[in-house]
Amino acid sequence: MNRKLVFLGLWTLASLLALLWPGEPVLPRSLHWGYDAFGRNLALLTLKASGSSLILSAISLAITIAASFVLSLAASLGPRPARFLIKRTLELWLSVPSILLALCVAALTGPGWSTLVLSLCVGLTPSFTRLLLARADEISKETYTLASRALGGTWFNLARHHYLKPLLAFGSIKFPNLFAAALASEAALSFMGIGAPTGVDTWGLLLSQARDYLIEAPHIAFIVGTPLCLIIFALQQISEERFQSLPSSVRLSE
């Protein structure tokens, strides 16, 4: 079994248990890695914060995937004016860095869970939509798709029978990469104080607190930041391995 998947599964399970456990769970002595500036157990605090970040990133990822599928299908199957408008808007959207878009949304609406989810979706959607649209344009030129159009197939039937399965199979290669980007963006926004609401611990907020004690207690930043880096690296590696397993013709299309 892939060691990266095992690591991700065990960390996610431990994080969710720590977050949802009623009261304060009792950790074994081996998990007492030190304390933060407020005297809290760093291991337990990191697990709870990662649980919040993982849930938030998963919600943002689900919304991003749904929105990207709808936009890519509309840009490929819709009427010509709609296709033109969506593609030009997408190009404009892609011209702005994703983190800058997320910062703009968060600065305008203020901190909060809904703001953070919206900011992540705004930042992640354009690149994934562009990826799916490239594949959708290829499918639209296939013989079976042209035959379905000639026989009077509706856009709903075309999407259901010819687009959804190939797009899902192709887009799933990018899912781990998107999840890693969501985690990194959430940490960046929370680090700058415009992410999660006050009083809720997330990875970015813990790193922001650890910044004030880099000289006196550098272990805080190390213990909090190391799991985040490892998870992002593991997700990126999984996405890269899945991408390399694709046929060369499909890789070139991306």
C-alpha atoms as a PDB file:
ATOM      1  CA  MET A   1       0.000   0.000   0.000  1.00  0.00           C
ATOM      2  CA  ASN A   2       1.182   3.521  -0.781  1.00  0.00           C
ATOM      3  CA  ARG A   3       2.889   4.919   2.312  1.00  0.00           C
ATOM      4  CA  LYS A   4       1.720   8.431   1.507  1.00  0.00           C
ATOM      5  CA  LEU A   5      -1.904   7.311   1.494  1.00  0.00           C
ATOM      6  CA  VAL A   6      -1.396   5.507   4.810  1.00  0.00           C
ATOM      7  CA  PHE A   7       0.122   8.637   6.345  1.00  0.00           C
ATOM      8  CA  LEU A   8      -2.685  10.846   5.053  1.00  0.00           C
ATOM      9  CA  GLY A   9      -5.359   8.425   6.235  1.00  0.00           C
ATOM     10  CA  LEU A  10      -3.912   8.035   9.731  1.00  0.00           C
ATOM     11  CA  TRP A  11      -3.355  11.773  10.184  1.00  0.00           C
ATOM     12  CA  THR A  12      -6.857  12.613   8.965  1.00  0.00           C
ATOM     13  CA  LEU A  13      -8.396  10.024  11.293  1.00  0.00           C
ATOM     14  CA  ALA A  14      -6.400  11.269  14.279  1.00  0.00           C
ATOM     15  CA  SER A  15      -7.264  14.893  13.489  1.00  0.00           C
ATOM     16  CA  LEU A  16     -10.980  14.240  13.221  1.00  0.00           C
ATOM     17  CA  LEU A  17     -10.996  12.191  16.426  1.00  0.00           C
ATOM     18  CA  ALA A  18      -9.152  14.945  18.297  1.00  0.00           C
ATOM     19  CA  LEU A  19     -11.520  17.591  16.917  1.00  0.00           C
ATOM     20  CA  LEU A  20     -14.766  15.712  17.549  1.00  0.00           C
ATOM     21  CA  TRP A  21     -13.803  13.995  20.811  1.00  0.00           C
ATOM     22  CA  PRO A  22     -16.017  15.194  23.683  1.00  0.00           C
ATOM     23  CA  GLY A  23     -13.887  16.979  26.235  1.00  0.00           C
ATOM     24  CA  GLU A  24     -10.107  16.744  26.274  1.00  0.00           C
ATOM     25  CA  PRO A  25      -8.762  13.358  25.104  1.00  0.00           C
ATOM     26  CA  VAL A  26      -5.927  11.869  27.130  1.00  0.00           C
ATOM     27  CA  LEU A  27      -2.858  11.440  24.936  1.00  0.00           C
ATOM     28  CA  PRO A  28      -0.073   8.928  25.578  1.00  0.00           C
ATOM     29  CA  ARG A  29       3.205  10.244  26.941  1.00  0.00           C
ATOM     30  CA  SER A  30       4.891   9.870  23.552  1.00  0.00           C
ATOM     31  CA  LEU A  31       2.571  12.542  22.118  1.00  0.00           C
ATOM     32  CA  HIS A  32       3.502  15.219  24.636  1.00  0.00           C
ATOM     33  CA  TRP A  33       5.698  17.286  22.315  1.00  0.00           C
ATOM     34  CA  GLY A  34       5.668  20.467  24.365  1.00  0.00           C
ATOM     35  CA  TYR A  35       3.309  23.349  25.051  1.00  0.00           C
ATOM     36  CA  ASP A  36       2.408  26.590  23.346  1.00  0.00           C
ATOM     37  CA  ALA A  37       2.479  30.092  24.848  1.00  0.00           C
ATOM     38  CA  PHE A  38      -0.842  29.439  26.627  1.00  0.00           C
ATOM     39  CA  GLY A  39       0.206  26.123  28.163  1.00  0.00           C
ATOM     40  CA  ARG A  40      -1.777  23.930  25.754  1.00  0.00           C
ATOM     41  CA  ASN A  41      -0.524  20.561  24.545  1.00  0.00           C
ATOM     42  CA  LEU A  42       0.998  21.182  21.125  1.00  0.00           C
ATOM     43  CA  ALA A  43       0.293  17.694  19.766  1.00  0.00           C
ATOM     44  CA  LEU A  44      -3.401  17.854  20.638  1.00  0.00           C
ATOM     45  CA  LEU A  45      -3.660  21.472  19.509  1.00  0.00           C
ATOM     46  CA  THR A  46      -2.063  20.669  16.145  1.00  0.00           C
ATOM     47  CA  LEU A  47      -4.374  17.704  15.590  1.00  0.00           C
ATOM     48  CA  LYS A  48      -7.471  19.793  16.353  1.00  0.00           C
ATOM     49  CA  ALA A  49      -6.309  22.641  14.135  1.00  0.00           C
ATOM     50  CA  SER A  50      -5.535  20.268  11.286  1.00  0.00           C
ATOM     51  CA  GLY A  51      -8.990  18.716  11.656  1.00  0.00           C
ATOM     52  CA  SER A  52     -10.620  22.127  11.206  1.00  0.00           C
ATOM     53  CA  SER A  53      -8.396  22.936   8.225  1.00  0.00           C
ATOM     54  CA  LEU A  54      -8.994  19.556   6.572  1.00  0.00           C
ATOM     55  CA  ILE A  55     -12.783  19.819   6.888  1.00  0.00           C
ATOM     56  CA  LEU A  56     -12.806  23.378   5.597  1.00  0.00           C
ATOM     57  CA  SER A  57     -10.537  22.494   2.666  1.00  0.00           C
ATOM     58  CA  ALA A  58     -12.670  19.443   1.808  1.00  0.00           C
ATOM     59  CA  ILE A  59     -15.827  21.579   1.703  1.00  0.00           C
ATOM     60  CA  SER A  60     -14.096  24.162  -0.480  1.00  0.00           C
ATOM     61  CA  LEU A  61     -12.786  21.413  -2.757  1.00  0.00           C
ATOM     62  CA  ALA A  62     -16.260  19.908  -3.206  1.00  0.00           C
ATOM     63  CA  ILE A  63     -17.766  23.282  -4.141  1.00  0.00           C
ATOM     64  CA  THR A  64     -14.849  24.027  -6.477  1.00  0.00           C
ATOM     65  CA  ILE A  65     -15.238  20.696  -8.283  1.00  0.00           C
ATOM     66  CA  ALA A  66     -18.994  21.163  -8.729  1.00  0.00           C
ATOM     67  CA  ALA A  67     -18.631  24.742  -9.982  1.00  0.00           C
ATOM     68  CA  SER A  68     -15.800  23.785 -12.348  1.00  0.00           C
ATOM     69  CA  PHE A  69     -17.824  20.945 -13.882  1.00  0.00           C
ATOM     70  CA  VAL A  70     -20.810  23.229 -14.479  1.00  0.00           C
ATOM     71  CA  LEU A  71     -18.688  26.001 -16.002  1.00  0.00           C
ATOM     72  CA  SER A  72     -16.671  23.669 -18.230  1.00  0.00           C
ATOM     73  CA  LEU A  73     -19.808  21.935 -19.532  1.00  0.00           C
ATOM     74  CA  ALA A  74     -21.525  25.274 -20.153  1.00  0.00           C
ATOM     75  CA  ALA A  75     -18.460  26.581 -21.991  1.00  0.00           C
ATOM     76  CA  SER A  76     -18.339  23.489 -24.181  1.00  0.00           C
ATOM     77  CA  LEU A  77     -22.031  22.676 -24.751  1.00  0.00           C
ATOM     78  CA  GLY A  78     -23.796  26.018 -24.366  1.00  0.00           C
ATOM     79  CA  PRO A  79     -24.811  28.426 -27.138  1.00  0.00           C
ATOM     80  CA  ARG A  80     -22.060  30.385 -28.863  1.00  0.00           C
ATOM     81  CA  PRO A  81     -22.564  33.692 -26.929  1.00  0.00           C
ATOM     82  CA  ALA A  82     -22.478  31.841 -23.615  1.00  0.00           C
ATOM     83  CA  ARG A  83     -19.339  29.925 -24.604  1.00  0.00           C
ATOM     84  CA  PHE A  84     -17.609  33.129 -25.657  1.00  0.00           C
ATOM     85  CA  LEU A  85     -18.552  34.949 -22.458  1.00  0.00           C
ATOM     86  CA  ILE A  86     -17.476  32.100 -20.154  1.00  0.00           C
ATOM     87  CA  LYS A  87     -14.136  31.576 -21.899  1.00  0.00           C
ATOM     88  CA  ARG A  88     -13.223  35.261 -21.933  1.00  0.00           C
ATOM     89  CA  THR A  89     -14.249  35.639 -18.286  1.00  0.00           C
ATOM     90  CA  LEU A  90     -12.178  32.591 -17.430  1.00  0.00           C
ATOM     91  CA  GLU A  91      -9.125  34.063 -19.148  1.00  0.00           C
ATOM     92  CA  LEU A  92      -9.541  37.288 -17.201  1.00  0.00           C
ATOM     93  CA  TRP A  93     -10.031  35.286 -14.007  1.00  0.00           C
ATOM     94  CA  LEU A  94      -6.831  33.326 -14.641  1.00  0.00           C
ATOM     95  CA  SER A  95      -4.815  36.494 -15.215  1.00  0.00           C
ATOM     96  CA  VAL A  96      -5.092  37.376 -11.522  1.00  0.00           C
ATOM     97  CA  PRO A  97      -3.128  35.265  -8.975  1.00  0.00           C
ATOM     98  CA  SER A  98      -5.433  32.964  -7.015  1.00  0.00           C
ATOM     99  CA  ILE A  99      -4.148  34.038  -3.611  1.00  0.00           C
ATOM    100  CA  LEU A 100      -4.797  37.690  -4.546  1.00  0.00           C
ATOM    101  CA  LEU A 101      -8.395  36.852  -5.474  1.00  0.00           C
ATOM    102  CA  ALA A 102      -8.834  35.043  -2.168  1.00  0.00           C
ATOM    103  CA  LEU A 103      -7.353  38.009  -0.290  1.00  0.00           C
ATOM    104  CA  CYS A 104      -9.720  40.436  -2.016  1.00  0.00           C
ATOM    105  CA  VAL A 105     -12.803  38.392  -1.118  1.00  0.00           C
ATOM    106  CA  ALA A 106     -11.661  37.903   2.474  1.00  0.00           C
ATOM    107  CA  ALA A 107     -10.809  41.593   2.912  1.00  0.00           C
ATOM    108  CA  LEU A 108     -14.198  42.705   1.577  1.00  0.00           C
ATOM    109  CA  THR A 109     -16.382  40.360   3.620  1.00  0.00           C
ATOM    110  CA  GLY A 110     -14.398  40.003   6.844  1.00  0.00           C
ATOM    111  CA  PRO A 111     -13.298  36.868   8.698  1.00  0.00           C
ATOM    112  CA  GLY A 112     -15.625  33.881   8.988  1.00  0.00           C
ATOM    113  CA  TRP A 113     -16.170  30.325   7.803  1.00  0.00           C
ATOM    114  CA  SER A 114     -18.336  31.297   4.829  1.00  0.00           C
ATOM    115  CA  THR A 115     -15.845  33.979   3.806  1.00  0.00           C
ATOM    116  CA  LEU A 116     -12.967  31.526   3.968  1.00  0.00           C
ATOM    117  CA  VAL A 117     -14.797  28.897   1.916  1.00  0.00           C
ATOM    118  CA  LEU A 118     -15.813  31.496  -0.687  1.00  0.00           C
ATOM    119  CA  SER A 119     -12.253  32.849  -0.862  1.00  0.00           C
ATOM    120  CA  LEU A 120     -10.792  29.397  -1.424  1.00  0.00           C
ATOM    121  CA  CYS A 121     -13.373  28.570  -4.095  1.00  0.00           C
ATOM    122  CA  VAL A 122     -12.750  31.839  -5.939  1.00  0.00           C
ATOM    123  CA  GLY A 123      -9.030  31.132  -5.922  1.00  0.00           C
ATOM    124  CA  LEU A 124      -9.191  27.457  -6.946  1.00  0.00           C
ATOM    125  CA  THR A 125     -12.025  27.356  -9.472  1.00  0.00           C
ATOM    126  CA  PRO A 126     -10.465  29.055 -12.552  1.00  0.00           C
ATOM    127  CA  SER A 127      -7.448  26.767 -12.963  1.00  0.00           C
ATOM    128  CA  PHE A 128      -9.477  23.583 -12.502  1.00  0.00           C
ATOM    129  CA  THR A 129     -12.204  24.840 -14.839  1.00  0.00           C
ATOM    130  CA  ARG A 130      -9.587  25.543 -17.507  1.00  0.00           C
ATOM    131  CA  LEU A 131      -8.245  22.007 -17.140  1.00  0.00           C
ATOM    132  CA  LEU A 132     -11.682  20.438 -17.521  1.00  0.00           C
ATOM    133  CA  LEU A 133     -12.555  22.735 -20.405  1.00  0.00           C
ATOM    134  CA  ALA A 134      -9.505  21.591 -22.352  1.00  0.00           C
ATOM    135  CA  ARG A 135     -10.662  17.988 -21.983  1.00  0.00           C
ATOM    136  CA  ALA A 136     -14.282  18.906 -22.781  1.00  0.00           C
ATOM    137  CA  ASP A 137     -13.212  20.575 -26.024  1.00  0.00           C
ATOM    138  CA  GLU A 138     -11.428  17.362 -27.015  1.00  0.00           C
ATOM    139  CA  ILE A 139     -14.538  15.299 -26.275  1.00  0.00           C
ATOM    140  CA  SER A 140     -16.684  17.664 -28.347  1.00  0.00           C
ATOM    141  CA  LYS A 141     -14.598  16.774 -31.436  1.00  0.00           C
ATOM    142  CA  GLU A 142     -14.932  13.011 -30.998  1.00  0.00           C
ATOM    143  CA  THR A 143     -16.937  11.092 -33.600  1.00  0.00           C
ATOM    144  CA  TYR A 144     -19.498   9.762 -31.132  1.00  0.00           C
ATOM    145  CA  THR A 145     -20.155  13.266 -29.796  1.00  0.00           C
ATOM    146  CA  LEU A 146     -20.635  14.693 -33.272  1.00  0.00           C
ATOM    147  CA  ALA A 147     -22.958  11.808 -34.129  1.00  0.00           C
ATOM    148  CA  SER A 148     -25.045  12.446 -31.010  1.00  0.00           C
ATOM    149  CA  ARG A 149     -25.361  16.109 -31.914  1.00  0.00           C
ATOM    150  CA  ALA A 150     -26.388  15.235 -35.469  1.00  0.00           C
ATOM    151  CA  LEU A 151     -29.087  12.903 -34.157  1.00  0.00           C
ATOM    152  CA  GLY A 152     -30.568  15.721 -32.086  1.00  0.00           C
ATOM    153  CA  GLY A 153     -29.114  14.894 -28.676  1.00  0.00           C
ATOM    154  CA  THR A 154     -29.803  17.542 -26.040  1.00  0.00           C
ATOM    155  CA  TRP A 155     -27.032  19.125 -24.023  1.00  0.00           C
ATOM    156  CA  PHE A 156     -28.216  17.237 -20.946  1.00  0.00           C
ATOM    157  CA  ASN A 157     -27.949  13.860 -22.689  1.00  0.00           C
ATOM    158  CA  LEU A 158     -24.593  14.774 -24.177  1.00  0.00           C
ATOM    159  CA  ALA A 159     -23.250  15.790 -20.776  1.00  0.00           C
ATOM    160  CA  ARG A 160     -24.626  12.710 -19.083  1.00  0.00           C
ATOM    161  CA  HIS A 161     -23.546  10.088 -21.607  1.00  0.00           C
ATOM    162  CA  HIS A 162     -20.372  11.514 -23.162  1.00  0.00           C
ATOM    163  CA  TYR A 163     -18.853  14.166 -20.911  1.00  0.00           C
ATOM    164  CA  LEU A 164     -19.299  13.424 -17.218  1.00  0.00           C
ATOM    165  CA  LYS A 165     -17.410  10.141 -16.951  1.00  0.00           C
ATOM    166  CA  PRO A 166     -14.322  11.205 -18.976  1.00  0.00           C
ATOM    167  CA  LEU A 167     -14.192  14.570 -17.220  1.00  0.00           C
ATOM    168  CA  LEU A 168     -14.465  12.947 -13.803  1.00  0.00           C
ATOM    169  CA  ALA A 169     -11.735  10.440 -14.625  1.00  0.00           C
ATOM    170  CA  PHE A 170      -9.465  13.181 -15.961  1.00  0.00           C
ATOM    171  CA  GLY A 171     -10.237  15.685 -13.207  1.00  0.00           C
ATOM    172  CA  SER A 172      -9.648  13.153 -10.429  1.00  0.00           C
ATOM    173  CA  ILE A 173      -5.932  13.309 -11.268  1.00  0.00           C
ATOM    174  CA  LYS A 174      -5.964  16.912 -10.063  1.00  0.00           C
ATOM    175  CA  PHE A 175      -8.012  16.378  -6.889  1.00  0.00           C
ATOM    176  CA  PRO A 176      -5.016  15.815  -4.532  1.00  0.00           C
ATOM    177  CA  ASN A 177      -3.265  18.847  -6.003  1.00  0.00           C
ATOM    178  CA  LEU A 178      -6.369  20.983  -5.460  1.00  0.00           C
ATOM    179  CA  PHE A 179      -6.663  19.762  -1.882  1.00  0.00           C
ATOM    180  CA  ALA A 180      -3.041  20.715  -1.235  1.00  0.00           C
ATOM    181  CA  ALA A 181      -3.654  24.164  -2.725  1.00  0.00           C
ATOM    182  CA  ALA A 182      -6.741  24.599  -0.529  1.00  0.00           C
ATOM    183  CA  LEU A 183      -4.761  23.706   2.610  1.00  0.00           C
ATOM    184  CA  ALA A 184      -1.948  26.089   1.703  1.00  0.00           C
ATOM    185  CA  SER A 185      -4.348  28.922   0.870  1.00  0.00           C
ATOM    186  CA  GLU A 186      -6.332  28.428   4.067  1.00  0.00           C
ATOM    187  CA  ALA A 187      -3.122  28.501   6.108  1.00  0.00           C
ATOM    188  CA  ALA A 188      -1.983  31.678   4.326  1.00  0.00           C
ATOM    189  CA  LEU A 189      -5.281  33.482   4.865  1.00  0.00           C
ATOM    190  CA  SER A 190      -5.540  32.458   8.515  1.00  0.00           C
ATOM    191  CA  PHE A 191      -1.883  33.388   9.059  1.00  0.00           C
ATOM    192  CA  MET A 192      -2.681  36.916   7.905  1.00  0.00           C
ATOM    193  CA  GLY A 193      -5.701  37.105  10.187  1.00  0.00           C
ATOM    194  CA  ILE A 194      -8.403  37.216   7.525  1.00  0.00           C
ATOM    195  CA  GLY A 195      -9.366  33.557   7.501  1.00  0.00           C
ATOM    196  CA  ALA A 196     -11.135  31.597  10.208  1.00  0.00           C
ATOM    197  CA  PRO A 197     -13.159  33.463  12.835  1.00  0.00           C
ATOM    198  CA  THR A 198     -11.505  34.500  16.076  1.00  0.00           C
ATOM    199  CA  GLY A 199     -11.251  31.742  18.668  1.00  0.00           C
ATOM    200  CA  VAL A 200     -11.062  28.869  16.175  1.00  0.00           C
ATOM    201  CA  ASP A 201      -7.692  27.156  15.836  1.00  0.00           C
ATOM    202  CA  THR A 202      -6.494  26.364  12.321  1.00  0.00           C
ATOM    203  CA  TRP A 203      -3.056  25.652  10.950  1.00  0.00           C
ATOM    204  CA  GLY A 204      -2.552  29.209   9.757  1.00  0.00           C
ATOM    205  CA  LEU A 205      -3.624  30.715  13.062  1.00  0.00           C
ATOM    206  CA  LEU A 206      -1.254  28.472  15.032  1.00  0.00           C
ATOM    207  CA  LEU A 207       1.610  29.410  12.728  1.00  0.00           C
ATOM    208  CA  SER A 208       0.746  33.077  13.203  1.00  0.00           C
ATOM    209  CA  GLN A 209       0.916  32.650  16.978  1.00  0.00           C
ATOM    210  CA  ALA A 210       4.183  30.704  16.705  1.00  0.00           C
ATOM    211  CA  ARG A 211       5.752  33.561  14.741  1.00  0.00           C
ATOM    212  CA  ASP A 212       5.947  35.665  17.921  1.00  0.00           C
ATOM    213  CA  TYR A 213       8.041  33.012  19.689  1.00  0.00           C
ATOM    214  CA  LEU A 214      10.519  31.972  16.997  1.00  0.00           C
ATOM    215  CA  ILE A 215      13.479  32.970  19.189  1.00  0.00           C
ATOM    216  CA  GLU A 216      12.271  31.831  22.628  1.00  0.00           C
ATOM    217  CA  ALA A 217      10.382  28.690  21.525  1.00  0.00           C
ATOM    218  CA  PRO A 218      11.122  27.710  17.909  1.00  0.00           C
ATOM    219  CA  HIS A 219       9.716  24.219  18.555  1.00  0.00           C
ATOM    220  CA  ILE A 220       6.163  25.617  18.349  1.00  0.00           C
ATOM    221  CA  ALA A 221       6.497  26.609  14.691  1.00  0.00           C
ATOM    222  CA  PHE A 222       8.347  23.391  13.892  1.00  0.00           C
ATOM    223  CA  ILE A 223       5.751  21.087  15.468  1.00  0.00           C
ATOM    224  CA  VAL A 224       2.814  22.953  13.949  1.00  0.00           C
ATOM    225  CA  GLY A 225       4.287  23.513  10.487  1.00  0.00           C
ATOM    226  CA  THR A 226       5.965  20.160   9.830  1.00  0.00           C
ATOM    227  CA  PRO A 227       2.719  18.122   9.476  1.00  0.00           C
ATOM    228  CA  LEU A 228       1.264  20.753   7.143  1.00  0.00           C
ATOM    229  CA  CYS A 229       4.332  20.615   4.893  1.00  0.00           C
ATOM    230  CA  LEU A 230       4.335  16.811   4.894  1.00  0.00           C
ATOM    231  CA  ILE A 231       0.641  16.584   4.006  1.00  0.00           C
ATOM    232  CA  ILE A 232       0.949  19.107   1.166  1.00  0.00           C
ATOM    233  CA  PHE A 233       4.027  17.310  -0.140  1.00  0.00           C
ATOM    234  CA  ALA A 234       2.286  13.915   0.024  1.00  0.00           C
ATOM    235  CA  LEU A 235      -0.772  15.239  -1.828  1.00  0.00           C
ATOM    236  CA  GLN A 236       1.391  16.800  -4.526  1.00  0.00           C
ATOM    237  CA  GLN A 237       3.319  13.559  -4.963  1.00  0.00           C
ATOM    238  CA  ILE A 238       0.127  11.519  -5.274  1.00  0.00           C
ATOM    239  CA  SER A 239      -1.211  13.899  -7.913  1.00  0.00           C
ATOM    240  CA  GLU A 240       2.078  13.756  -9.817  1.00  0.00           C
ATOM    241  CA  GLU A 241       2.169   9.956  -9.725  1.00  0.00           C
ATOM    242  CA  ARG A 242      -1.383   9.745 -11.052  1.00  0.00           C
ATOM    243  CA  PHE A 243      -0.575  12.267 -13.757  1.00  0.00           C
ATOM    244  CA  GLN A 244       2.487  10.315 -14.876  1.00  0.00           C
ATOM    245  CA  SER A 245       0.349   7.181 -15.176  1.00  0.00           C
ATOM    246  CA  LEU A 246      -1.803   8.850 -17.868  1.00  0.00           C
ATOM    247  CA  PRO A 247      -1.126   8.131 -21.554  1.00  0.00           C
ATOM    248  CA  SER A 248       1.295  10.602 -23.123  1.00  0.00           C
ATOM    249  CA  SER A 249      -1.388  11.978 -25.446  1.00  0.00           C
ATOM    250  CA  VAL A 250      -3.589  12.957 -22.502  1.00  0.00           C
ATOM    251  CA  ARG A 251      -0.648  14.504 -20.610  1.00  0.00           C
ATOM    252  CA  LEU A 252       0.214  16.643 -23.599  1.00  0.00           C
ATOM    253  CA  SER A 253      -3.365  17.899 -23.772  1.00  0.00           C
ATOM    254  CA  GLU A 254      -3.078  19.345 -20.289  1.00  0.00           C
END
